[in-house]
Amino acid sequence: MNQTKLSHINQDCGPILVTGHTGFKGTWLTLLLDELNVEWVGVSLPPKKDSLYALINQSRNKSNEYFVDIRDVDKLSKIMDRIDPSHIIHLAAQALVLESYTETRNTFETNVLGTYNILELAIRKKHLRSIVVATTDKVYNTRKFPPTAFIESDKLGGMDPYSWSKVGTESVVGAWRQISRIEKGPSVISVRSGNVIGGGDFAKNRLLPDLIKGFFENSKIVVRNGESTRPWQHVLDPLHGYLLALTSNTNEPAFNFSQGKKSLSVKKVVEIASESWGEPTRIEFTKNANDRETKKLALNPRKAEKILNWRSNWNQEQAVVSTVNWWKNLHIKKLTPVEACLIDIRELIYEK
C-alpha cells in the first residue's frame, strides 16, 4: 500500500506534543501518528476506566506520556522543558456541555487557564514551529442572521458555560498569536469542528454512545430532540485537518472542519445507526423544552478545503455506519480495539 494522504507528515515532524491524549480524539490521534511513524508525547489527566484509551492501552508499550493537570503550571513547565516539541496539538479540555453547568469552575479553569499555561510555556521554545488549539463549532454566536453555515470570521459568542469557556479559549489563542507574531515565534491556529463520532466513544449524553449501549443491552433507547441537527463527522476527518493545519506554514488564524453539507437530524442518525446494527431496536423520541443545547449548527469548511486541500473521507451517513461497524468488529468479528481503529485509519491514509 502506498501513502496518498499525509505523506508529508513523517518522522521529521516529531516530537508532536498531544495534550489530552487519553481522551477520545487524543487516542485516535496517537494511533494515527503511530501508523504514520511520527514521534509523539502525550500530556493528559489519567485515563478513565471506561475509555478507548483504556481499551487499547494493554496492547501498547509507551513511555512517552505524562499524567498531569494542565492547570498545574509548575509540573507542566518541567514536562515542557523535557519534551522540547516541534509541534503541539492542544486537545485537553472539559468538553461536555451538560457537565459545564455542574462543573463550571473546572470547565473555565481547564479550557481557558489550561490553554493559557500551554501557550505561555510553549511559545518561546526554540524548536517549536506550530501550535494547533482545538476549540469547537459552538464558539460561534448562534444568533447569526440569515442562519447560514458559520465561517471563520463570524462573530463569536456562547450559549452555555462550555461554549463561553471555549470563546475564552479563542481569546487566549488570539492574544498569544499576536505575541508570537511580534516575536517571530511559531504559528498559532485555532481549529473548529463539530460533533465527532467513531468507535470507542464512551462519553455520557452523546447520541452514538447511547445508541450503542442500547443496541448491546437490547434495551429501550430514549433520544431527546430528534429534530435537532449537528455537523456529524468521523473523528479522523478533523484530526486529518488538524495535522494539515499543523504543518501548513499558513498565516491563517482559524479553520473550520465540517462536512459542508446539510447537517443530519438526530432522528436521521438514529435511523441510519439502527439499520446498520441490523436488529430490532426500541427507540423513544422525547422533546425537552428546557434543553440547554443549541438546536441547529452548521460549519462552512471552504477555507480548509481551499488552503489546506482538506476533504472529508466519510460523509455523514458513512461516518455513522463506520461507528456502528467498529463495535460490531469488536464483538462479532472479535477484533482488538487497535485492529478495529486501524481499519478506519488505513482507509484514511492509504490508497484503496
Protein backbone atom coordinates (compact mmCIF):
# COMPACT_ATOMS: atom_id res chain seq x y z
CA MET A 1 0.00 0.00 0.00
CA ASN A 2 1.25 3.48 -0.86
CA GLN A 3 0.53 6.53 1.24
CA THR A 4 -1.59 9.08 -0.59
CA LYS A 5 -2.64 11.40 2.24
CA LEU A 6 -0.50 12.96 4.98
CA SER A 7 2.60 11.61 3.22
CA HIS A 8 4.43 14.83 4.11
CA ILE A 9 3.94 14.09 7.81
CA ASN A 10 6.80 11.82 8.79
CA GLN A 11 9.46 11.23 11.40
CA ASP A 12 10.89 14.72 10.81
CA CYS A 13 7.68 16.28 12.18
CA GLY A 14 8.22 14.98 15.70
CA PRO A 15 8.08 15.12 18.51
CA ILE A 16 4.49 16.31 18.44
CA LEU A 17 3.10 17.13 21.87
CA VAL A 18 -0.51 15.97 22.15
CA THR A 19 -2.40 17.29 25.16
CA GLY A 20 -5.48 15.31 26.11
CA HIS A 21 -4.01 12.18 24.53
CA THR A 22 -6.09 9.89 26.77
CA GLY A 23 -9.36 11.37 25.53
CA PHE A 24 -11.43 10.10 22.61
CA LYS A 25 -9.91 12.37 19.95
CA GLY A 26 -6.46 12.12 21.52
CA THR A 27 -6.44 8.33 21.46
CA TRP A 28 -7.44 8.22 17.79
CA LEU A 29 -4.80 10.87 17.01
CA THR A 30 -1.96 8.96 18.67
CA LEU A 31 -2.95 5.79 16.81
CA LEU A 32 -2.89 7.78 13.57
CA LEU A 33 0.56 9.18 14.41
CA ASP A 34 1.82 5.68 15.21
CA GLU A 35 0.66 4.47 11.80
CA LEU A 36 2.50 7.42 10.21
CA ASN A 37 5.64 6.62 12.26
CA VAL A 38 5.61 10.11 13.79
CA GLU A 39 7.06 10.56 17.27
CA TRP A 40 4.60 11.98 19.80
CA VAL A 41 4.48 12.73 23.51
CA GLY A 42 1.23 12.85 25.48
CA VAL A 43 0.23 15.12 28.35
CA SER A 44 -3.13 14.43 29.93
CA LEU A 45 -5.13 13.58 33.00
CA PRO A 46 -5.03 9.86 33.87
CA PRO A 47 -7.36 7.88 31.60
CA LYS A 48 -10.88 6.95 32.61
CA LYS A 49 -11.54 3.25 33.06
CA ASP A 50 -14.36 3.28 30.52
CA SER A 51 -12.45 4.90 27.65
CA LEU A 52 -10.98 3.96 24.30
CA TYR A 53 -7.53 4.66 25.73
CA ALA A 54 -8.11 2.08 28.46
CA LEU A 55 -9.27 -0.46 25.87
CA ILE A 56 -6.17 -0.15 23.71
CA ASN A 57 -3.50 0.50 26.34
CA GLN A 58 -2.91 -3.19 27.01
CA SER A 59 -1.51 -3.61 23.51
CA ARG A 60 0.74 -0.55 23.55
CA ASN A 61 4.11 -0.13 25.25
CA LYS A 62 4.56 3.57 25.81
CA SER A 63 6.92 5.58 27.95
CA ASN A 64 6.20 8.82 26.10
CA GLU A 65 3.35 10.15 28.23
CA TYR A 66 2.86 12.28 31.32
CA PHE A 67 -0.22 12.41 33.52
CA VAL A 68 -0.67 15.96 34.79
CA ASP A 69 -3.43 18.55 35.12
CA ILE A 70 -2.72 21.36 32.64
CA ARG A 71 -3.79 23.83 35.34
CA ASP A 72 -0.64 22.87 37.31
CA VAL A 73 1.80 25.25 35.69
CA ASP A 74 4.83 24.15 37.75
CA LYS A 75 4.59 20.49 36.78
CA LEU A 76 3.66 21.43 33.22
CA SER A 77 6.74 23.65 32.91
CA LYS A 78 9.12 20.83 33.87
CA ILE A 79 7.48 18.47 31.38
CA MET A 80 7.60 21.06 28.59
CA ASP A 81 11.33 21.61 29.16
CA ARG A 82 11.89 17.87 28.97
CA ILE A 83 9.91 17.38 25.75
CA ASP A 84 11.04 20.41 23.69
CA PRO A 85 8.38 19.68 20.99
CA SER A 86 8.48 20.74 17.36
CA HIS A 87 4.67 20.97 17.17
CA ILE A 88 1.76 20.98 19.62
CA ILE A 89 -1.82 19.83 19.18
CA HIS A 90 -3.78 21.02 22.19
CA LEU A 91 -6.88 18.85 22.72
CA ALA A 92 -7.09 18.76 26.52
CA ALA A 93 -10.40 20.23 27.64
CA GLN A 94 -13.59 19.79 29.62
CA ALA A 95 -15.67 19.08 26.54
CA LEU A 96 -19.20 18.25 27.74
CA VAL A 97 -21.94 20.89 27.54
CA LEU A 98 -24.19 19.46 30.25
CA GLU A 99 -21.27 18.91 32.64
CA SER A 100 -20.29 22.56 32.24
CA TYR A 101 -23.44 23.54 34.16
CA THR A 102 -22.45 21.50 37.22
CA GLU A 103 -18.63 21.79 36.89
CA THR A 104 -18.48 25.41 35.75
CA ARG A 105 -15.28 26.44 37.55
CA ASN A 106 -13.45 23.34 36.33
CA THR A 107 -14.69 24.00 32.79
CA PHE A 108 -13.36 27.56 32.71
CA GLU A 109 -10.12 26.81 34.53
CA THR A 110 -9.30 23.86 32.27
CA ASN A 111 -10.35 25.39 28.98
CA VAL A 112 -9.14 28.96 29.49
CA LEU A 113 -6.37 28.88 32.11
CA GLY A 114 -5.11 25.48 30.93
CA THR A 115 -4.77 26.77 27.37
CA TYR A 116 -3.01 29.89 28.68
CA ASN A 117 -0.49 27.71 30.53
CA ILE A 118 0.25 25.61 27.45
CA LEU A 119 0.78 28.64 25.23
CA GLU A 120 2.77 30.67 27.74
CA LEU A 121 5.19 27.79 28.35
CA ALA A 122 5.45 26.77 24.70
CA ILE A 123 5.51 29.96 22.71
CA ARG A 124 9.21 30.73 23.13
CA LYS A 125 10.53 27.20 22.77
CA LYS A 126 13.43 27.25 20.35
CA HIS A 127 12.38 24.34 18.15
CA LEU A 128 8.62 24.88 18.21
CA ARG A 129 7.18 25.52 14.75
CA SER A 130 3.41 25.50 15.19
CA ILE A 131 0.60 25.13 17.71
CA VAL A 132 -2.92 23.99 16.88
CA VAL A 133 -5.61 24.54 19.52
CA ALA A 134 -8.89 22.65 19.15
CA THR A 135 -11.94 24.65 20.17
CA THR A 136 -15.44 23.82 18.87
CA ASP A 137 -18.21 24.68 16.42
CA LYS A 138 -20.07 26.07 19.44
CA VAL A 139 -17.86 29.19 19.71
CA TYR A 140 -20.00 30.98 17.11
CA ASN A 141 -22.81 33.36 18.00
CA THR A 142 -25.88 31.33 17.07
CA ARG A 143 -27.98 34.46 16.60
CA LYS A 144 -26.50 34.87 13.13
CA PHE A 145 -28.97 36.08 10.51
CA PRO A 146 -29.57 34.78 7.96
CA PRO A 147 -28.84 31.42 9.65
CA THR A 148 -26.26 30.09 7.20
CA ALA A 149 -23.26 27.86 7.98
CA PHE A 150 -20.65 29.67 10.04
CA ILE A 151 -17.40 30.89 8.50
CA GLU A 152 -14.22 31.55 10.48
CA SER A 153 -14.67 35.35 10.55
CA ASP A 154 -18.18 35.20 12.02
CA LYS A 155 -18.83 36.74 15.42
CA LEU A 156 -18.04 34.51 18.39
CA GLY A 157 -20.38 34.01 21.33
CA GLY A 158 -21.69 31.35 23.67
CA MET A 159 -24.98 29.93 24.89
CA ASP A 160 -23.79 27.82 27.83
CA PRO A 161 -20.78 27.64 30.18
CA TYR A 162 -18.96 25.22 27.87
CA SER A 163 -19.27 27.35 24.74
CA TRP A 164 -18.39 30.52 26.64
CA SER A 165 -15.31 28.80 28.05
CA LYS A 166 -14.26 27.98 24.50
CA VAL A 167 -14.82 31.59 23.46
CA GLY A 168 -12.41 32.37 26.29
CA THR A 169 -10.01 29.82 24.83
CA GLU A 170 -10.22 31.64 21.49
CA SER A 171 -9.36 34.91 23.26
CA VAL A 172 -6.25 33.35 24.81
CA VAL A 173 -5.24 31.92 21.43
CA GLY A 174 -5.73 35.32 19.78
CA ALA A 175 -3.58 37.07 22.38
CA TRP A 176 -0.71 34.60 22.11
CA ARG A 177 -0.98 34.59 18.30
CA GLN A 178 -0.29 38.33 18.39
CA ILE A 179 2.63 37.89 20.81
CA SER A 180 4.11 35.16 18.64
CA ARG A 181 3.83 37.30 15.51
CA ILE A 182 5.68 40.17 17.19
CA GLU A 183 8.39 37.84 18.46
CA LYS A 184 8.53 35.86 15.19
CA GLY A 185 7.55 32.69 17.01
CA PRO A 186 5.50 29.67 15.94
CA SER A 187 2.16 29.86 14.18
CA VAL A 188 -0.85 29.62 16.50
CA ILE A 189 -4.02 28.29 14.87
CA SER A 190 -7.44 27.53 16.29
CA VAL A 191 -9.32 24.63 14.71
CA ARG A 192 -13.08 24.22 14.99
CA SER A 193 -15.05 21.08 14.28
CA GLY A 194 -18.48 19.71 15.02
CA ASN A 195 -19.87 16.59 16.62
CA VAL A 196 -17.27 13.88 16.02
CA ILE A 197 -18.29 10.25 16.08
CA GLY A 198 -16.41 6.98 15.80
CA GLY A 199 -15.72 3.71 17.54
CA GLY A 200 -14.75 3.69 21.19
CA ASP A 201 -16.62 6.77 22.40
CA PHE A 202 -17.99 6.23 25.91
CA ALA A 203 -19.00 9.83 26.70
CA LYS A 204 -22.24 10.42 28.58
CA ASN A 205 -25.20 12.16 26.96
CA ARG A 206 -23.89 11.68 23.43
CA LEU A 207 -26.08 10.17 20.79
CA LEU A 208 -23.93 7.40 19.29
CA PRO A 209 -22.57 6.07 22.63
CA ASP A 210 -26.14 5.99 23.99
CA LEU A 211 -27.34 4.13 20.89
CA ILE A 212 -24.52 1.59 21.01
CA LYS A 213 -25.18 0.88 24.68
CA GLY A 214 -28.87 0.33 23.94
CA PHE A 215 -28.06 -1.93 20.98
CA PHE A 216 -25.88 -4.20 23.10
CA GLU A 217 -28.28 -4.32 26.04
CA ASN A 218 -31.31 -4.69 23.77
CA SER A 219 -32.99 -2.02 25.89
CA LYS A 220 -35.22 0.91 25.06
CA ILE A 221 -33.23 3.94 23.94
CA VAL A 222 -34.60 7.36 24.86
CA VAL A 223 -33.45 10.05 22.43
CA ARG A 224 -34.10 13.73 23.05
CA ASN A 225 -34.79 16.39 20.43
CA GLY A 226 -34.96 14.27 17.29
CA GLU A 227 -35.24 17.31 15.01
CA SER A 228 -32.01 18.93 16.22
CA THR A 229 -29.13 18.87 13.75
CA ARG A 230 -25.38 18.63 14.18
CA PRO A 231 -22.44 18.68 11.73
CA TRP A 232 -21.67 14.98 12.30
CA GLN A 233 -18.27 13.75 11.13
CA HIS A 234 -15.96 10.80 11.62
CA VAL A 235 -13.35 11.59 14.27
CA LEU A 236 -10.47 11.04 11.82
CA ASP A 237 -11.70 13.75 9.44
CA PRO A 238 -11.00 16.73 11.72
CA LEU A 239 -7.81 15.06 13.03
CA HIS A 240 -6.62 14.87 9.44
CA GLY A 241 -7.36 18.59 9.17
CA TYR A 242 -5.54 19.39 12.41
CA LEU A 243 -2.38 17.72 11.08
CA LEU A 244 -2.65 19.60 7.79
CA ALA A 245 -3.00 22.90 9.65
CA LEU A 246 -0.10 21.99 11.94
CA THR A 247 2.30 21.51 9.03
CA SER A 248 0.92 24.10 6.60
CA ASN A 249 3.08 27.17 7.35
CA THR A 250 -0.09 29.23 6.94
CA ASN A 251 -0.75 32.62 8.50
CA GLU A 252 -4.47 31.91 8.76
CA PRO A 253 -5.72 32.20 12.35
CA ALA A 254 -8.52 29.60 12.25
CA PHE A 255 -10.05 26.76 10.24
CA ASN A 256 -13.43 25.04 10.25
CA PHE A 257 -13.60 21.31 9.58
CA SER A 258 -17.02 20.01 8.68
CA GLN A 259 -18.91 18.09 6.01
CA GLY A 260 -20.10 21.29 4.38
CA LYS A 261 -23.39 19.55 3.67
CA LYS A 262 -26.78 19.98 5.31
CA SER A 263 -26.45 18.53 8.79
CA LEU A 264 -28.40 15.37 9.50
CA SER A 265 -31.06 15.43 12.20
CA VAL A 266 -30.75 13.35 15.34
CA LYS A 267 -33.70 11.26 14.13
CA LYS A 268 -31.99 10.50 10.80
CA VAL A 269 -28.77 9.45 12.54
CA VAL A 270 -30.78 7.09 14.75
CA GLU A 271 -32.42 5.56 11.66
CA ILE A 272 -29.05 5.01 9.92
CA ALA A 273 -27.43 3.52 13.04
CA SER A 274 -30.38 1.20 13.72
CA GLU A 275 -30.43 -0.06 10.14
CA SER A 276 -26.67 -0.64 10.24
CA TRP A 277 -26.97 -2.57 13.52
CA GLY A 278 -29.45 -4.87 11.80
CA GLU A 279 -31.50 -5.98 14.80
CA PRO A 280 -34.82 -4.67 16.19
CA THR A 281 -34.33 -1.63 18.40
CA ARG A 282 -36.80 0.20 20.62
CA ILE A 283 -36.42 3.98 20.24
CA GLU A 284 -38.38 6.64 22.10
CA PHE A 285 -38.05 10.26 20.98
CA THR A 286 -38.72 12.96 23.55
CA LYS A 287 -38.81 16.74 23.44
CA ASN A 288 -37.13 18.72 26.17
CA ALA A 289 -38.49 22.25 26.37
CA ASN A 290 -35.73 23.22 28.78
CA ASP A 291 -32.93 21.68 26.78
CA ARG A 292 -29.69 23.60 27.22
CA GLU A 293 -28.03 22.69 23.96
CA THR A 294 -28.10 24.51 20.61
CA LYS A 295 -30.71 23.13 18.22
CA LYS A 296 -29.11 23.90 14.84
CA LEU A 297 -25.41 24.02 13.96
CA ALA A 298 -23.51 24.05 10.67
CA LEU A 299 -19.94 24.99 9.68
CA ASN A 300 -18.56 26.12 6.34
CA PRO A 301 -15.24 24.31 5.61
CA ARG A 302 -14.36 26.03 2.33
CA LYS A 303 -11.27 27.80 3.67
CA ALA A 304 -9.75 24.50 4.85
CA GLU A 305 -10.64 22.89 1.52
CA LYS A 306 -9.01 25.72 -0.44
CA ILE A 307 -5.91 26.47 1.64
CA LEU A 308 -5.15 23.08 3.20
CA ASN A 309 -6.56 20.91 0.41
CA TRP A 310 -8.59 19.12 3.08
CA ARG A 311 -11.55 16.92 2.24
CA SER A 312 -13.81 14.68 4.31
CA ASN A 313 -13.09 10.99 3.83
CA TRP A 314 -16.52 9.93 5.14
CA ASN A 315 -19.87 11.62 4.53
CA GLN A 316 -22.27 11.83 7.46
CA GLU A 317 -24.06 8.56 6.67
CA GLN A 318 -20.77 6.70 6.21
CA ALA A 319 -19.45 8.10 9.49
CA VAL A 320 -22.46 6.70 11.36
CA VAL A 321 -22.16 3.30 9.68
CA SER A 322 -18.40 3.19 10.36
CA THR A 323 -19.05 3.89 14.05
CA VAL A 324 -21.54 1.03 14.34
CA ASN A 325 -19.25 -1.31 12.38
CA TRP A 326 -16.37 -0.56 14.76
CA TRP A 327 -18.35 -2.04 17.64
CA LYS A 328 -19.58 -4.94 15.55
CA ASN A 329 -15.97 -5.71 14.59
CA LEU A 330 -15.09 -5.99 18.28
CA HIS A 331 -17.99 -8.10 19.42
CA ILE A 332 -18.80 -10.16 16.34
CA LYS A 333 -15.51 -10.49 14.47
CA LYS A 334 -13.54 -10.38 17.74
CA LEU A 335 -11.02 -7.82 16.51
CA THR A 336 -8.94 -5.97 19.07
CA PRO A 337 -9.73 -2.26 19.54
CA VAL A 338 -6.47 -1.33 17.81
CA GLU A 339 -7.27 -3.58 14.83
CA ALA A 340 -10.72 -2.01 14.58
CA CYS A 341 -9.25 1.51 14.66
CA LEU A 342 -6.64 0.65 12.04
CA ILE A 343 -9.35 -0.28 9.54
CA ASP A 344 -10.53 3.34 9.53
CA ILE A 345 -7.03 4.84 9.86
CA ARG A 346 -5.74 2.92 6.86
CA GLU A 347 -8.81 3.86 4.86
CA LEU A 348 -7.89 7.49 5.54
CA ILE A 349 -4.20 7.45 4.68
CA TYR A 350 -3.71 4.63 2.17
CA GLU A 351 -4.87 4.19 -1.35
CA LYS A 352 -7.59 1.59 -1.63
